[in-house]
C-alpha atoms as a PDB file:
ATOM      1  CA  MET A   1     -36.957   3.901 103.236  1.00  0.00           C
ATOM      2  CA  PRO A   2     -38.608   7.095 102.017  1.00  0.00           C
ATOM      3  CA  GLY A   3     -36.961   9.086  99.287  1.00  0.00           C
ATOM      4  CA  ALA A   4     -34.617  11.923 100.023  1.00  0.00           C
ATOM      5  CA  GLY A   5     -36.844  14.853  99.163  1.00  0.00           C
ATOM      6  CA  GLU A   6     -40.158  15.805 100.762  1.00  0.00           C
ATOM      7  CA  THR A   7     -40.928  12.541 102.529  1.00  0.00           C
ATOM      8  CA  GLY A   8     -43.041  10.777 105.144  1.00  0.00           C
ATOM      9  CA  GLU A   9     -44.879  12.460 107.964  1.00  0.00           C
ATOM     10  CA  VAL A  10     -43.372  12.884 111.412  1.00  0.00           C
ATOM     11  CA  THR A  11     -46.253  12.698 113.868  1.00  0.00           C
ATOM     12  CA  SER A  12     -44.095  13.147 116.959  1.00  0.00           C
ATOM     13  CA  LEU A  13     -40.501  13.827 117.834  1.00  0.00           C
ATOM     14  CA  ALA A  14     -39.754  10.316 118.959  1.00  0.00           C
ATOM     15  CA  LEU A  15     -36.705   8.880 117.237  1.00  0.00           C
ATOM     16  CA  ASP A  16     -35.746   5.216 116.948  1.00  0.00           C
ATOM     17  CA  GLY A  17     -32.189   3.994 116.549  1.00  0.00           C
ATOM     18  CA  ASP A  18     -32.603   3.186 112.854  1.00  0.00           C
ATOM     19  CA  GLU A  19     -34.147   6.557 111.984  1.00  0.00           C
ATOM     20  CA  VAL A  20     -32.716   9.818 110.727  1.00  0.00           C
ATOM     21  CA  HIS A  21     -34.752  13.006 110.761  1.00  0.00           C
ATOM     22  CA  VAL A  22     -33.765  15.958 108.578  1.00  0.00           C
ATOM     23  CA  TRP A  23     -35.516  19.278 109.156  1.00  0.00           C
ATOM     24  CA  ARG A  24     -35.481  22.194 106.717  1.00  0.00           C
ATOM     25  CA  ALA A  25     -36.060  25.812 107.736  1.00  0.00           C
ATOM     26  CA  ALA A  26     -35.504  29.361 106.558  1.00  0.00           C
ATOM     27  CA  SER A  27     -32.890  31.304 108.489  1.00  0.00           C
ATOM     28  CA  ASP A  28     -34.789  34.587 108.148  1.00  0.00           C
ATOM     29  CA  ALA A  29     -37.527  35.484 110.620  1.00  0.00           C
ATOM     30  CA  THR A  30     -39.812  38.304 111.683  1.00  0.00           C
ATOM     31  CA  GLU A  31     -38.666  40.626 114.460  1.00  0.00           C
ATOM     32  CA  GLY A  32     -41.051  38.975 116.896  1.00  0.00           C
ATOM     33  CA  ARG A  33     -39.857  35.481 116.072  1.00  0.00           C
ATOM     34  CA  LEU A  34     -36.233  36.616 116.205  1.00  0.00           C
ATOM     35  CA  GLU A  35     -36.724  38.013 119.693  1.00  0.00           C
ATOM     36  CA  GLU A  36     -38.461  34.820 120.800  1.00  0.00           C
ATOM     37  CA  LEU A  37     -35.637  32.621 119.534  1.00  0.00           C
ATOM     38  CA  SER A  38     -32.937  34.850 121.003  1.00  0.00           C
ATOM     39  CA  GLN A  39     -34.373  34.322 124.490  1.00  0.00           C
ATOM     40  CA  SER A  40     -33.349  30.656 124.410  1.00  0.00           C
ATOM     41  CA  LEU A  41     -29.697  31.299 123.528  1.00  0.00           C
ATOM     42  CA  GLY A  42     -26.870  30.914 125.995  1.00  0.00           C
ATOM     43  CA  ALA A  43     -24.483  33.723 126.902  1.00  0.00           C
ATOM     44  CA  ASP A  44     -21.769  32.354 124.607  1.00  0.00           C
ATOM     45  CA  GLU A  45     -24.193  32.228 121.672  1.00  0.00           C
ATOM     46  CA  ARG A  46     -25.346  35.793 122.275  1.00  0.00           C
ATOM     47  CA  ALA A  47     -21.738  36.946 122.433  1.00  0.00           C
ATOM     48  CA  ARG A  48     -20.982  35.148 119.184  1.00  0.00           C
ATOM     49  CA  ALA A  49     -24.019  36.741 117.538  1.00  0.00           C
ATOM     50  CA  GLU A  50     -22.799  40.208 118.489  1.00  0.00           C
ATOM     51  CA  ARG A  51     -19.472  39.601 116.759  1.00  0.00           C
ATOM     52  CA  PHE A  52     -21.070  39.493 113.314  1.00  0.00           C
ATOM     53  CA  ALA A  53     -20.354  42.652 111.345  1.00  0.00           C
ATOM     54  CA  PHE A  54     -23.668  42.652 109.470  1.00  0.00           C
ATOM     55  CA  ARG A  55     -27.111  42.536 111.019  1.00  0.00           C
ATOM     56  CA  ARG A  56     -28.464  39.977 108.553  1.00  0.00           C
ATOM     57  CA  ASP A  57     -25.664  37.553 109.442  1.00  0.00           C
ATOM     58  CA  ARG A  58     -26.258  38.132 113.149  1.00  0.00           C
ATOM     59  CA  ASP A  59     -30.000  37.600 112.840  1.00  0.00           C
ATOM     60  CA  ARG A  60     -29.602  34.442 110.778  1.00  0.00           C
ATOM     61  CA  PHE A  61     -27.198  33.015 113.350  1.00  0.00           C
ATOM     62  CA  ILE A  62     -29.732  33.691 116.110  1.00  0.00           C
ATOM     63  CA  VAL A  63     -32.455  31.963 114.088  1.00  0.00           C
ATOM     64  CA  ARG A  64     -30.280  28.932 113.318  1.00  0.00           C
ATOM     65  CA  ARG A  65     -29.232  28.443 116.929  1.00  0.00           C
ATOM     66  CA  GLY A  66     -32.675  29.170 118.295  1.00  0.00           C
ATOM     67  CA  LEU A  67     -34.271  26.644 115.950  1.00  0.00           C
ATOM     68  CA  LEU A  68     -31.617  24.068 116.824  1.00  0.00           C
ATOM     69  CA  ARG A  69     -32.510  24.467 120.487  1.00  0.00           C
ATOM     70  CA  ALA A  70     -36.229  24.281 119.697  1.00  0.00           C
ATOM     71  CA  ILE A  71     -35.812  21.072 117.696  1.00  0.00           C
ATOM     72  CA  LEU A  72     -33.595  19.309 120.230  1.00  0.00           C
ATOM     73  CA  GLY A  73     -35.787  20.492 123.081  1.00  0.00           C
ATOM     74  CA  ARG A  74     -38.800  18.847 121.449  1.00  0.00           C
ATOM     75  CA  TYR A  75     -37.022  15.493 121.206  1.00  0.00           C
ATOM     76  CA  LEU A  76     -35.830  15.645 124.805  1.00  0.00           C
ATOM     77  CA  ALA A  77     -38.943  17.316 126.286  1.00  0.00           C
ATOM     78  CA  VAL A  78     -36.662  19.981 127.759  1.00  0.00           C
ATOM     79  CA  ASP A  79     -36.884  23.771 127.780  1.00  0.00           C
ATOM     80  CA  PRO A  80     -34.639  24.836 124.856  1.00  0.00           C
ATOM     81  CA  ALA A  81     -32.963  27.464 127.046  1.00  0.00           C
ATOM     82  CA  ARG A  82     -31.707  24.735 129.398  1.00  0.00           C
ATOM     83  CA  LEU A  83     -29.736  22.871 126.737  1.00  0.00           C
ATOM     84  CA  GLN A  84     -25.956  23.047 126.871  1.00  0.00           C
ATOM     85  CA  PHE A  85     -23.411  22.135 124.221  1.00  0.00           C
ATOM     86  CA  ASP A  86     -19.893  20.763 124.108  1.00  0.00           C
ATOM     87  CA  TYR A  87     -17.510  21.144 121.178  1.00  0.00           C
ATOM     88  CA  GLY A  88     -15.065  18.629 119.733  1.00  0.00           C
ATOM     89  CA  ALA A  89     -11.446  19.313 118.845  1.00  0.00           C
ATOM     90  CA  SER A  90     -12.450  20.371 115.325  1.00  0.00           C
ATOM     91  CA  GLY A  91     -15.357  22.477 116.597  1.00  0.00           C
ATOM     92  CA  LYS A  92     -18.190  20.005 115.977  1.00  0.00           C
ATOM     93  CA  PRO A  93     -21.004  20.809 118.439  1.00  0.00           C
ATOM     94  CA  ALA A  94     -22.748  18.140 120.497  1.00  0.00           C
ATOM     95  CA  LEU A  95     -25.256  18.123 123.303  1.00  0.00           C
ATOM     96  CA  ALA A  96     -23.583  18.034 126.695  1.00  0.00           C
ATOM     97  CA  ARG A  97     -23.902  14.606 128.321  1.00  0.00           C
ATOM     98  CA  ARG A  98     -26.071  15.967 131.110  1.00  0.00           C
ATOM     99  CA  CYS A  99     -28.467  17.330 128.462  1.00  0.00           C
ATOM    100  CA  GLY A 100     -28.935  14.134 126.477  1.00  0.00           C
ATOM    101  CA  GLY A 101     -25.689  14.039 124.529  1.00  0.00           C
ATOM    102  CA  MET A 102     -25.516  10.257 124.832  1.00  0.00           C
ATOM    103  CA  GLN A 103     -28.977   9.972 123.271  1.00  0.00           C
ATOM    104  CA  LEU A 104     -29.177  12.474 120.429  1.00  0.00           C
ATOM    105  CA  ARG A 105     -26.599  13.365 117.813  1.00  0.00           C
ATOM    106  CA  PHE A 106     -27.143  16.203 115.393  1.00  0.00           C
ATOM    107  CA  ASN A 107     -25.524  18.235 112.678  1.00  0.00           C
ATOM    108  CA  VAL A 108     -26.417  21.530 111.016  1.00  0.00           C
ATOM    109  CA  SER A 109     -25.637  23.137 107.673  1.00  0.00           C
ATOM    110  CA  HIS A 110     -26.768  26.400 106.126  1.00  0.00           C
ATOM    111  CA  SER A 111     -26.443  28.241 102.833  1.00  0.00           C
ATOM    112  CA  ALA A 112     -28.088  31.299 101.280  1.00  0.00           C
ATOM    113  CA  GLY A 113     -30.959  31.630 103.748  1.00  0.00           C
ATOM    114  CA  LEU A 114     -31.717  27.921 104.147  1.00  0.00           C
ATOM    115  CA  VAL A 115     -30.708  25.619 107.000  1.00  0.00           C
ATOM    116  CA  LEU A 116     -30.834  21.833 107.489  1.00  0.00           C
ATOM    117  CA  TYR A 117     -30.820  19.966 110.808  1.00  0.00           C
ATOM    118  CA  ALA A 118     -30.038  16.229 110.869  1.00  0.00           C
ATOM    119  CA  VAL A 119     -30.845  14.285 114.043  1.00  0.00           C
ATOM    120  CA  THR A 120     -30.045  10.671 114.965  1.00  0.00           C
ATOM    121  CA  ARG A 121     -30.058   8.570 118.104  1.00  0.00           C
ATOM    122  CA  GLY A 122     -26.677   7.273 119.238  1.00  0.00           C
ATOM    123  CA  ARG A 123     -24.945   7.474 115.840  1.00  0.00           C
ATOM    124  CA  GLU A 124     -22.718  10.097 114.292  1.00  0.00           C
ATOM    125  CA  VAL A 125     -24.279  12.170 111.545  1.00  0.00           C
ATOM    126  CA  GLY A 126     -23.187  14.902 109.169  1.00  0.00           C
ATOM    127  CA  VAL A 127     -25.159  17.066 106.770  1.00  0.00           C
ATOM    128  CA  ASP A 128     -24.011  19.595 104.200  1.00  0.00           C
ATOM    129  CA  LEU A 129     -26.018  22.119 102.207  1.00  0.00           C
ATOM    130  CA  GLU A 130     -24.777  24.342  99.394  1.00  0.00           C
ATOM    131  CA  GLN A 131     -26.405  26.757  97.009  1.00  0.00           C
ATOM    132  CA  ILE A 132     -25.504  25.631  93.490  1.00  0.00           C
ATOM    133  CA  ARG A 133     -23.336  28.360  92.000  1.00  0.00           C
ATOM    134  CA  PRO A 134     -22.032  27.408  88.539  1.00  0.00           C
ATOM    135  CA  ALA A 135     -19.212  29.964  88.750  1.00  0.00           C
ATOM    136  CA  VAL A 136     -17.808  28.141  91.794  1.00  0.00           C
ATOM    137  CA  ALA A 137     -17.930  24.705  90.156  1.00  0.00           C
ATOM    138  CA  HIS A 138     -14.567  25.286  88.523  1.00  0.00           C
ATOM    139  CA  GLU A 139     -12.259  22.521  87.363  1.00  0.00           C
ATOM    140  CA  ARG A 140      -9.317  24.037  89.247  1.00  0.00           C
ATOM    141  CA  ILE A 141     -11.220  23.817  92.524  1.00  0.00           C
ATOM    142  CA  ALA A 142     -12.085  20.195  91.761  1.00  0.00           C
ATOM    143  CA  GLU A 143      -8.432  19.436  91.008  1.00  0.00           C
ATOM    144  CA  HIS A 144      -7.429  20.872  94.378  1.00  0.00           C
ATOM    145  CA  PHE A 145     -10.033  19.112  96.550  1.00  0.00           C
ATOM    146  CA  PHE A 146     -11.242  16.045  94.637  1.00  0.00           C
ATOM    147  CA  SER A 147      -9.437  12.778  93.966  1.00  0.00           C
ATOM    148  CA  PRO A 148      -8.045  12.113  90.460  1.00  0.00           C
ATOM    149  CA  ARG A 149     -10.859   9.626  89.776  1.00  0.00           C
ATOM    150  CA  GLU A 150     -13.489  12.143  90.866  1.00  0.00           C
ATOM    151  CA  VAL A 151     -11.958  14.835  88.656  1.00  0.00           C
ATOM    152  CA  ALA A 152     -11.940  12.426  85.710  1.00  0.00           C
ATOM    153  CA  ALA A 153     -15.594  11.520  86.321  1.00  0.00           C
ATOM    154  CA  LEU A 154     -16.511  15.208  86.473  1.00  0.00           C
ATOM    155  CA  ARG A 155     -14.668  16.021  83.237  1.00  0.00           C
ATOM    156  CA  ALA A 156     -16.421  13.161  81.436  1.00  0.00           C
ATOM    157  CA  LEU A 157     -19.851  14.709  82.017  1.00  0.00           C
ATOM    158  CA  PRO A 158     -21.564  17.183  79.671  1.00  0.00           C
ATOM    159  CA  LEU A 159     -20.747  20.777  80.609  1.00  0.00           C
ATOM    160  CA  GLN A 160     -24.349  21.558  81.545  1.00  0.00           C
ATOM    161  CA  THR A 161     -24.434  18.832  84.216  1.00  0.00           C
ATOM    162  CA  GLN A 162     -21.007  19.516  85.710  1.00  0.00           C
ATOM    163  CA  PRO A 163     -22.166  22.138  88.280  1.00  0.00           C
ATOM    164  CA  GLU A 164     -24.754  19.710  89.678  1.00  0.00           C
ATOM    165  CA  ALA A 165     -22.159  16.929  89.832  1.00  0.00           C
ATOM    166  CA  PHE A 166     -19.553  19.231  91.390  1.00  0.00           C
ATOM    167  CA  PHE A 167     -21.866  20.188  94.250  1.00  0.00           C
ATOM    168  CA  ALA A 168     -23.073  16.605  94.665  1.00  0.00           C
ATOM    169  CA  CYS A 169     -19.458  15.592  95.193  1.00  0.00           C
ATOM    170  CA  TRP A 170     -18.705  18.554  97.446  1.00  0.00           C
ATOM    171  CA  THR A 171     -21.703  18.101  99.747  1.00  0.00           C
ATOM    172  CA  ARG A 172     -21.145  14.344 100.074  1.00  0.00           C
ATOM    173  CA  LYS A 173     -17.526  14.892 101.025  1.00  0.00           C
ATOM    174  CA  GLU A 174     -18.373  17.622 103.518  1.00  0.00           C
ATOM    175  CA  ALA A 175     -21.188  15.580 105.077  1.00  0.00           C
ATOM    176  CA  TYR A 176     -18.778  12.680 105.646  1.00  0.00           C
ATOM    177  CA  VAL A 177     -16.105  14.954 107.124  1.00  0.00           C
ATOM    178  CA  LYS A 178     -18.659  16.565 109.437  1.00  0.00           C
ATOM    179  CA  ALA A 179     -19.994  13.188 110.546  1.00  0.00           C
ATOM    180  CA  LYS A 180     -16.481  11.996 111.360  1.00  0.00           C
ATOM    181  CA  GLY A 181     -15.949  15.143 113.416  1.00  0.00           C
ATOM    182  CA  ASP A 182     -12.157  14.951 113.352  1.00  0.00           C
ATOM    183  CA  GLY A 183     -11.473  17.452 110.592  1.00  0.00           C
ATOM    184  CA  LEU A 184     -10.229  14.579 108.411  1.00  0.00           C
ATOM    185  CA  PRO A 185      -6.532  15.532 108.423  1.00  0.00           C
ATOM    186  CA  LEU A 186      -5.923  13.273 105.407  1.00  0.00           C
ATOM    187  CA  GLY A 187      -7.700  15.768 103.149  1.00  0.00           C
ATOM    188  CA  LEU A 188     -10.743  15.723 100.886  1.00  0.00           C
ATOM    189  CA  ASP A 189      -8.809  14.090  98.055  1.00  0.00           C
ATOM    190  CA  ARG A 190      -7.988  11.002 100.146  1.00  0.00           C
ATOM    191  CA  PHE A 191     -11.459   9.522  99.901  1.00  0.00           C
ATOM    192  CA  GLU A 192     -13.932   9.203  97.050  1.00  0.00           C
ATOM    193  CA  VAL A 193     -17.678   9.559  96.658  1.00  0.00           C
ATOM    194  CA  SER A 194     -20.082   9.059  93.777  1.00  0.00           C
ATOM    195  CA  LEU A 195     -20.993  12.192  91.820  1.00  0.00           C
ATOM    196  CA  VAL A 196     -22.595  11.256  88.489  1.00  0.00           C
ATOM    197  CA  PRO A 197     -26.182  12.600  88.328  1.00  0.00           C
ATOM    198  CA  GLY A 198     -28.696   9.786  88.735  1.00  0.00           C
ATOM    199  CA  GLU A 199     -26.318   7.473  90.590  1.00  0.00           C
ATOM    200  CA  PRO A 200     -26.946   6.762  94.299  1.00  0.00           C
ATOM    201  CA  ALA A 201     -24.843   8.696  96.777  1.00  0.00           C
ATOM    202  CA  ALA A 202     -22.068   6.487  98.137  1.00  0.00           C
ATOM    203  CA  LEU A 203     -18.733   6.568  99.907  1.00  0.00           C
ATOM    204  CA  LEU A 204     -16.687   4.542  97.436  1.00  0.00           C
ATOM    205  CA  ARG A 205     -13.264   4.239  99.055  1.00  0.00           C
ATOM    206  CA  THR A 206     -10.983   5.827 101.637  1.00  0.00           C
ATOM    207  CA  ALA A 207      -7.195   5.907 101.729  1.00  0.00           C
ATOM    208  CA  GLY A 208      -5.632   3.713 104.388  1.00  0.00           C
ATOM    209  CA  ASP A 209      -8.853   2.055 105.599  1.00  0.00           C
ATOM    210  CA  ALA A 210     -10.723  -0.111 103.126  1.00  0.00           C
ATOM    211  CA  GLY A 211     -13.466  -0.821 105.670  1.00  0.00           C
ATOM    212  CA  GLN A 212     -14.574   2.793 106.073  1.00  0.00           C
ATOM    213  CA  ALA A 213     -16.807   2.755 103.005  1.00  0.00           C
ATOM    214  CA  SER A 214     -18.984  -0.017 104.437  1.00  0.00           C
ATOM    215  CA  ARG A 215     -19.346   1.717 107.815  1.00  0.00           C
ATOM    216  CA  TRP A 216     -20.981   4.887 106.512  1.00  0.00           C
ATOM    217  CA  TRP A 217     -24.212   5.549 104.648  1.00  0.00           C
ATOM    218  CA  LEU A 218     -24.480   8.520 102.290  1.00  0.00           C
ATOM    219  CA  GLN A 219     -27.724   9.940 100.961  1.00  0.00           C
ATOM    220  CA  ALA A 220     -28.404  12.798  98.566  1.00  0.00           C
ATOM    221  CA  LEU A 221     -31.060  15.234  99.784  1.00  0.00           C
ATOM    222  CA  ALA A 222     -33.336  17.539  97.799  1.00  0.00           C
ATOM    223  CA  PRO A 223     -33.717  20.656  99.972  1.00  0.00           C
ATOM    224  CA  GLY A 224     -35.056  22.901  97.225  1.00  0.00           C
ATOM    225  CA  ARG A 225     -34.467  24.250  93.754  1.00  0.00           C
ATOM    226  CA  GLY A 226     -30.971  25.642  93.325  1.00  0.00           C
ATOM    227  CA  TYR A 227     -29.468  23.744  96.267  1.00  0.00           C
ATOM    228  CA  ALA A 228     -27.495  20.542  96.729  1.00  0.00           C
ATOM    229  CA  ALA A 229     -27.306  18.631  99.994  1.00  0.00           C
ATOM    230  CA  ALA A 230     -26.087  15.334 101.375  1.00  0.00           C
ATOM    231  CA  LEU A 231     -26.306  13.292 104.552  1.00  0.00           C
ATOM    232  CA  ALA A 232     -23.712  10.937 106.059  1.00  0.00           C
ATOM    233  CA  VAL A 233     -24.713   8.513 108.821  1.00  0.00           C
ATOM    234  CA  GLU A 234     -22.697   6.019 110.817  1.00  0.00           C
ATOM    235  CA  GLY A 235     -24.009   2.561 109.949  1.00  0.00           C
ATOM    236  CA  HIS A 236     -27.209   2.465 107.937  1.00  0.00           C
ATOM    237  CA  ALA A 237     -30.578   4.148 108.304  1.00  0.00           C
ATOM    238  CA  SER A 238     -33.643   2.167 107.321  1.00  0.00           C
ATOM    239  CA  ARG A 239     -35.929   5.179 107.738  1.00  0.00           C
ATOM    240  CA  LEU A 240     -35.095   8.690 106.578  1.00  0.00           C
ATOM    241  CA  THR A 241     -37.659  11.438 107.047  1.00  0.00           C
ATOM    242  CA  CYS A 242     -37.190  14.930 105.603  1.00  0.00           C
ATOM    243  CA  ARG A 243     -39.651  17.741 106.128  1.00  0.00           C
ATOM    244  CA  PRO A 244     -39.921  21.460 106.918  1.00  0.00           C
ATOM    245  CA  TRP A 245     -39.754  22.598 110.530  1.00  0.00           C
ATOM    246  CA  THR A 246     -42.888  24.477 111.517  1.00  0.00           C
ATOM    247  CA  GLY A 247     -42.486  24.538 115.301  1.00  0.00           C
END
């Protein structure tokens, strides 16, 4: 399996069952590109875009949704404007069945002008991206959302590495929750992930279901300097490809 940073080439948008593709893109665009992407959006997406109070937020939403449609359209060989989406009980989007929802699964995350798209075939997937902000990586936040063992592991690290470890833990937890798609009513502190810098990403244990940890594969991603990201996939992926989207 390739590493989790800038990895192997994707020569086409074919996707096998044991593959995961992660695409990285900027959520800012020129006026011309913004207009082009907006043409593919559905009426509900345009209405949602208009509800943003600030233009930058509106424009970034249009770019993120337009690129999502462009990416999925390339896999399915379908006009991006023809794609339709359904939403789960917790709001997780999915392709409508009539548009290939039984074939492709995807997840999206964005932070501070960057966006990641994870795509799989027939398996649930979650991705989370966060800008590393040392001021946010506060022990009180960890105590509220992390398990006691995770908090202890975080406290044991040198102060200078704690922000990196905090966001490693946070993104791995969020990626798993997003992959599950049920909002995880048990709470973020009811399951544990690895967080020590240099250790592989892993779902270590979950409350009430000892088998969950073996059914999910976690992977740290390297989206760019100053960011942390993680991927959660149902089962195991033997081939992970991460690269910038240039379509």
